[in-house]
């Protein structure tokens, strides 16, 4: 019921307002980036459990918050440490500066998105940015999930990053390349499941 309402009423209203007010719609999400992420297909004889071998050494982890637009734009910030309201607000400030116009940001219902400091900051900057929350449904319907998957696949298929510095550099290099490829970003919106976002 909530999904149908979002598709038939909520999002069309957001899109109409954005057009009227000259706002830019961004779809946002956060993800973890680790050097031990295992992706892709494996093989094992029938009856045997597949085993995936990963890079040895210390597990390294970063976080990333990002947004995508159906016009082929992306904004992103890689974080060393926990993702919290302070980092979210820092990202929101950079996002509205980069956009150069009002932003309509679509997010999921992660707790930090609803935190008191974030709500207060958003109230104080309502002329520059408004946030809309997705209903609870499979996260893959958010086009920014495709960006997350693209990054994780790239990290998992390259030479293992054994240090946090190398992981950070690899993530930054990949995101910089995506940022310069609007058609690649637009392709994240072509899945029929998220066609309403186009």
Protein backbone atom coordinates (compact mmCIF):
# COMPACT_ATOMS: atom_id res chain seq x y z
CA UNK A 1 0.00 0.00 0.00
CA UNK A 2 2.75 2.48 0.99
CA UNK A 3 4.75 1.57 -2.11
CA UNK A 4 1.78 2.11 -4.42
CA UNK A 5 1.07 5.46 -2.80
CA UNK A 6 4.69 6.50 -3.24
CA UNK A 7 4.67 5.50 -6.92
CA UNK A 8 1.30 6.96 -7.83
CA UNK A 9 1.09 10.02 -5.57
CA UNK A 10 4.14 10.97 -3.54
CA UNK A 11 6.87 10.87 -6.18
CA UNK A 12 4.78 12.51 -8.95
CA UNK A 13 4.06 15.35 -6.51
CA UNK A 14 7.76 15.72 -5.71
CA UNK A 15 8.63 15.74 -9.42
CA UNK A 16 5.96 18.35 -10.17
CA UNK A 17 7.15 20.59 -7.34
CA UNK A 18 10.77 20.22 -8.45
CA UNK A 19 9.85 21.37 -11.96
CA UNK A 20 7.83 24.30 -10.65
CA UNK A 21 10.46 25.42 -8.12
CA UNK A 22 13.51 24.73 -10.27
CA UNK A 23 14.79 22.14 -7.80
CA UNK A 24 17.10 19.22 -8.59
CA UNK A 25 16.01 15.74 -7.42
CA UNK A 26 18.76 13.62 -5.89
CA UNK A 27 18.48 10.03 -4.70
CA UNK A 28 20.81 9.31 -1.79
CA UNK A 29 22.18 6.36 0.12
CA UNK A 30 25.08 5.23 2.27
CA UNK A 31 27.24 2.15 1.93
CA UNK A 32 30.23 0.45 3.51
CA UNK A 33 33.36 -0.11 1.43
CA UNK A 34 35.59 -2.93 2.63
CA UNK A 35 38.66 -4.66 1.23
CA UNK A 36 37.28 -8.14 1.96
CA UNK A 37 34.00 -7.86 0.08
CA UNK A 38 33.44 -10.98 -2.04
CA UNK A 39 31.29 -10.61 -5.16
CA UNK A 40 30.71 -12.46 -8.37
CA UNK A 41 29.96 -16.09 -9.12
CA UNK A 42 31.79 -19.08 -7.77
CA UNK A 43 31.83 -22.79 -8.44
CA UNK A 44 31.81 -25.96 -6.40
CA UNK A 45 31.04 -29.58 -7.32
CA UNK A 46 27.50 -30.68 -6.51
CA UNK A 47 27.19 -31.32 -2.80
CA UNK A 48 30.23 -29.22 -1.85
CA UNK A 49 30.05 -25.79 -0.24
CA UNK A 50 31.64 -23.05 -2.37
CA UNK A 51 34.65 -21.39 -0.74
CA UNK A 52 35.79 -17.89 -1.63
CA UNK A 53 39.33 -16.80 -0.81
CA UNK A 54 39.84 -13.18 0.11
CA UNK A 55 42.80 -10.90 0.69
CA UNK A 56 44.80 -11.69 3.79
CA UNK A 57 45.70 -9.19 6.46
CA UNK A 58 43.64 -6.64 8.32
CA UNK A 59 40.10 -5.91 7.24
CA UNK A 60 39.79 -2.26 6.25
CA UNK A 61 36.50 -0.37 6.11
CA UNK A 62 35.33 3.01 4.87
CA UNK A 63 31.87 4.49 4.41
CA UNK A 64 30.45 6.46 1.54
CA UNK A 65 27.40 8.68 1.21
CA UNK A 66 26.33 9.59 -2.29
CA UNK A 67 23.53 10.84 -4.48
CA UNK A 68 22.61 10.39 -8.13
CA UNK A 69 20.28 12.27 -10.45
CA UNK A 70 18.57 11.09 -13.62
CA UNK A 71 20.48 13.86 -15.41
CA UNK A 72 23.71 11.93 -14.89
CA UNK A 73 25.11 13.77 -11.88
CA UNK A 74 26.58 12.27 -8.74
CA UNK A 75 27.78 13.73 -5.46
CA UNK A 76 29.73 11.63 -2.99
CA UNK A 77 31.85 11.71 0.13
CA UNK A 78 34.06 8.91 1.42
CA UNK A 79 34.27 8.73 5.19
CA UNK A 80 36.92 7.19 7.39
CA UNK A 81 35.02 6.38 10.54
CA UNK A 82 31.42 6.11 11.58
CA UNK A 83 28.67 7.70 9.56
CA UNK A 84 26.69 9.97 11.90
CA UNK A 85 24.58 13.13 11.87
CA UNK A 86 27.65 15.36 11.77
CA UNK A 87 28.94 13.71 8.62
CA UNK A 88 25.49 13.77 7.06
CA UNK A 89 25.13 17.49 7.67
CA UNK A 90 28.62 18.05 6.28
CA UNK A 91 27.59 16.20 3.13
CA UNK A 92 24.30 18.10 2.82
CA UNK A 93 26.15 21.42 2.99
CA UNK A 94 28.47 20.32 0.19
CA UNK A 95 25.55 18.97 -1.84
CA UNK A 96 23.58 22.21 -1.92
CA UNK A 97 26.75 24.16 -2.71
CA UNK A 98 27.55 21.85 -5.61
CA UNK A 99 23.98 21.84 -6.95
CA UNK A 100 23.77 25.62 -7.04
CA UNK A 101 19.99 25.49 -6.68
CA UNK A 102 17.41 23.95 -4.39
CA UNK A 103 17.77 20.22 -3.80
CA UNK A 104 14.99 17.69 -3.27
CA UNK A 105 16.76 14.72 -1.68
CA UNK A 106 15.14 11.28 -1.52
CA UNK A 107 16.51 9.08 1.28
CA UNK A 108 15.60 5.85 3.00
CA UNK A 109 14.64 5.65 6.65
CA UNK A 110 18.03 5.16 8.27
CA UNK A 111 17.91 6.38 11.86
CA UNK A 112 20.49 9.14 11.36
CA UNK A 113 18.30 10.67 8.64
CA UNK A 114 15.64 11.32 11.28
CA UNK A 115 17.96 12.43 14.07
CA UNK A 116 17.12 15.64 15.90
CA UNK A 117 20.28 17.52 14.78
CA UNK A 118 19.59 16.66 11.14
CA UNK A 119 15.92 17.63 11.38
CA UNK A 120 16.87 20.92 13.02
CA UNK A 121 19.46 21.69 10.35
CA UNK A 122 17.00 20.87 7.57
CA UNK A 123 14.38 23.17 9.10
CA UNK A 124 16.92 25.99 9.09
CA UNK A 125 17.81 25.38 5.43
CA UNK A 126 14.39 24.59 3.94
CA UNK A 127 14.90 27.20 1.23
CA UNK A 128 17.93 25.26 -0.01
CA UNK A 129 17.07 21.61 0.56
CA UNK A 130 14.13 19.37 1.40
CA UNK A 131 14.32 15.67 2.23
CA UNK A 132 11.71 13.06 1.32
CA UNK A 133 11.72 9.55 2.74
CA UNK A 134 11.12 6.37 0.81
CA UNK A 135 8.59 3.87 2.15
CA UNK A 136 9.95 0.58 3.45
CA UNK A 137 10.57 -1.59 0.42
CA UNK A 138 13.46 -3.44 -1.17
CA UNK A 139 16.48 -1.09 -1.23
CA UNK A 140 17.39 -2.08 -4.78
CA UNK A 141 14.56 0.17 -5.99
CA UNK A 142 16.70 3.19 -5.07
CA UNK A 143 18.88 4.04 -8.11
CA UNK A 144 21.76 5.05 -5.83
CA UNK A 145 22.02 1.38 -4.84
CA UNK A 146 23.32 0.78 -8.38
CA UNK A 147 26.10 3.27 -7.75
CA UNK A 148 26.99 1.48 -4.52
CA UNK A 149 27.08 -1.85 -6.33
CA UNK A 150 29.25 -0.41 -9.10
CA UNK A 151 31.82 0.79 -6.57
CA UNK A 152 31.83 -2.44 -4.57
CA UNK A 153 32.24 -4.52 -7.71
CA UNK A 154 35.18 -2.38 -8.81
CA UNK A 155 36.90 -2.69 -5.43
CA UNK A 156 36.32 -6.46 -5.29
CA UNK A 157 37.71 -7.14 -8.76
CA UNK A 158 40.89 -5.06 -8.61
CA UNK A 159 44.24 -5.81 -6.97
CA UNK A 160 43.51 -6.24 -3.23
CA UNK A 161 43.79 -3.06 -1.16
CA UNK A 162 45.72 -4.14 1.91
CA UNK A 163 45.75 -0.74 3.64
CA UNK A 164 43.07 1.83 4.37
CA UNK A 165 44.97 4.45 2.37
CA UNK A 166 44.96 2.22 -0.71
CA UNK A 167 41.28 1.40 -0.22
CA UNK A 168 40.49 5.11 0.04
CA UNK A 169 42.48 5.87 -3.09
CA UNK A 170 40.87 3.05 -5.05
CA UNK A 171 37.38 4.19 -4.04
CA UNK A 172 38.18 7.81 -4.85
CA UNK A 173 39.62 6.93 -8.26
CA UNK A 174 36.58 4.86 -9.18
CA UNK A 175 34.06 7.45 -8.03
CA UNK A 176 35.95 10.20 -9.88
CA UNK A 177 35.73 8.12 -13.06
CA UNK A 178 31.99 7.57 -12.59
CA UNK A 179 31.47 11.26 -11.92
CA UNK A 180 32.92 12.00 -15.36
CA UNK A 181 30.56 9.53 -17.07
CA UNK A 182 26.98 10.91 -17.01
CA UNK A 183 25.67 8.12 -19.27
CA UNK A 184 26.81 5.52 -16.76
CA UNK A 185 24.94 7.31 -13.99
CA UNK A 186 21.81 7.65 -16.13
CA UNK A 187 21.91 3.89 -16.73
CA UNK A 188 21.21 3.35 -13.00
CA UNK A 189 17.70 4.67 -13.67
CA UNK A 190 16.89 2.34 -16.56
CA UNK A 191 15.81 -0.65 -14.49
CA UNK A 192 12.03 -1.06 -14.96
CA UNK A 193 11.66 -1.27 -11.17
CA UNK A 194 12.71 2.35 -10.83
CA UNK A 195 11.36 3.72 -14.09
CA UNK A 196 9.16 6.12 -12.13
CA UNK A 197 12.34 7.96 -11.12
CA UNK A 198 13.30 8.84 -14.69
